């Protein structure tokens, strides 16, 4: 577990949103 789990969660959310946008665009 990292020292800042909040940052990790935010990163995962951002990646998910980016992937969702790419999938929707396709």
N, C-alpha and C. Protein backbone atom coordinates (compact mmCIF):
# COMPACT_ATOMS: atom_id res chain seq x y z
N UNK A 1 0.85 -1.21 0.00
CA UNK A 1 0.00 0.00 0.00
C UNK A 1 0.88 1.26 0.00
N UNK A 2 0.55 2.19 -0.87
CA UNK A 2 1.37 3.40 -0.96
C UNK A 2 1.09 4.34 0.21
N UNK A 3 1.95 5.34 0.37
CA UNK A 3 1.77 6.30 1.46
C UNK A 3 0.55 7.19 1.25
N UNK A 4 0.16 7.36 -0.01
CA UNK A 4 -1.00 8.22 -0.30
C UNK A 4 -2.00 7.44 -1.15
N UNK A 5 -2.86 6.64 -0.52
CA UNK A 5 -3.85 5.86 -1.27
C UNK A 5 -4.82 6.75 -2.04
N UNK A 6 -5.00 7.97 -1.56
CA UNK A 6 -5.94 8.87 -2.25
C UNK A 6 -5.43 9.16 -3.66
N UNK A 7 -4.13 9.42 -3.77
CA UNK A 7 -3.57 9.73 -5.10
C UNK A 7 -3.72 8.52 -6.01
N UNK A 8 -3.50 7.33 -5.44
CA UNK A 8 -3.62 6.11 -6.24
C UNK A 8 -5.04 5.96 -6.76
N UNK A 9 -6.01 6.23 -5.89
CA UNK A 9 -7.42 6.11 -6.30
C UNK A 9 -7.73 7.12 -7.40
N UNK A 10 -7.24 8.35 -7.23
CA UNK A 10 -7.51 9.38 -8.25
C UNK A 10 -6.91 8.94 -9.59
N UNK A 11 -5.70 8.40 -9.54
CA UNK A 11 -5.04 7.95 -10.78
C UNK A 11 -5.87 6.86 -11.45
N UNK A 12 -6.38 5.93 -10.65
CA UNK A 12 -7.18 4.85 -11.22
C UNK A 12 -8.45 5.42 -11.85
N UNK A 13 -9.06 6.37 -11.18
CA UNK A 13 -10.30 6.97 -11.72
C UNK A 13 -10.00 7.69 -13.03
N UNK A 14 -8.91 8.44 -13.05
CA UNK A 14 -8.55 9.18 -14.27
C UNK A 14 -8.32 8.20 -15.41
N UNK A 15 -7.60 7.12 -15.12
CA UNK A 15 -7.33 6.12 -16.18
C UNK A 15 -8.64 5.53 -16.66
N UNK A 16 -9.54 5.22 -15.74
CA UNK A 16 -10.83 4.65 -16.12
C UNK A 16 -11.60 5.61 -17.02
N UNK A 17 -11.61 6.88 -16.65
CA UNK A 17 -12.35 7.86 -17.46
C UNK A 17 -11.74 7.95 -18.85
N UNK A 18 -10.38 8.00 -18.90
CA UNK A 18 -9.71 8.10 -20.20
C UNK A 18 -10.04 6.87 -21.04
N UNK A 19 -9.99 5.69 -20.41
CA UNK A 19 -10.30 4.46 -21.17
C UNK A 19 -11.75 4.51 -21.64
N UNK A 20 -12.64 4.96 -20.79
CA UNK A 20 -14.06 5.02 -21.17
C UNK A 20 -14.24 5.95 -22.36
N UNK A 21 -13.54 7.09 -22.32
CA UNK A 21 -13.68 8.03 -23.44
C UNK A 21 -13.18 7.40 -24.73
N UNK A 22 -12.03 6.73 -24.64
CA UNK A 22 -11.47 6.10 -25.84
C UNK A 22 -12.43 5.03 -26.37
N UNK A 23 -12.98 4.25 -25.45
CA UNK A 23 -13.90 3.18 -25.88
C UNK A 23 -15.15 3.79 -26.51
N UNK A 24 -15.65 4.86 -25.94
CA UNK A 24 -16.87 5.48 -26.49
C UNK A 24 -16.57 6.06 -27.86
N UNK A 25 -15.39 6.64 -28.02
CA UNK A 25 -15.03 7.25 -29.31
C UNK A 25 -14.97 6.17 -30.38
N UNK A 26 -14.39 5.04 -30.05
CA UNK A 26 -14.22 3.96 -31.06
C UNK A 26 -15.59 3.62 -31.63
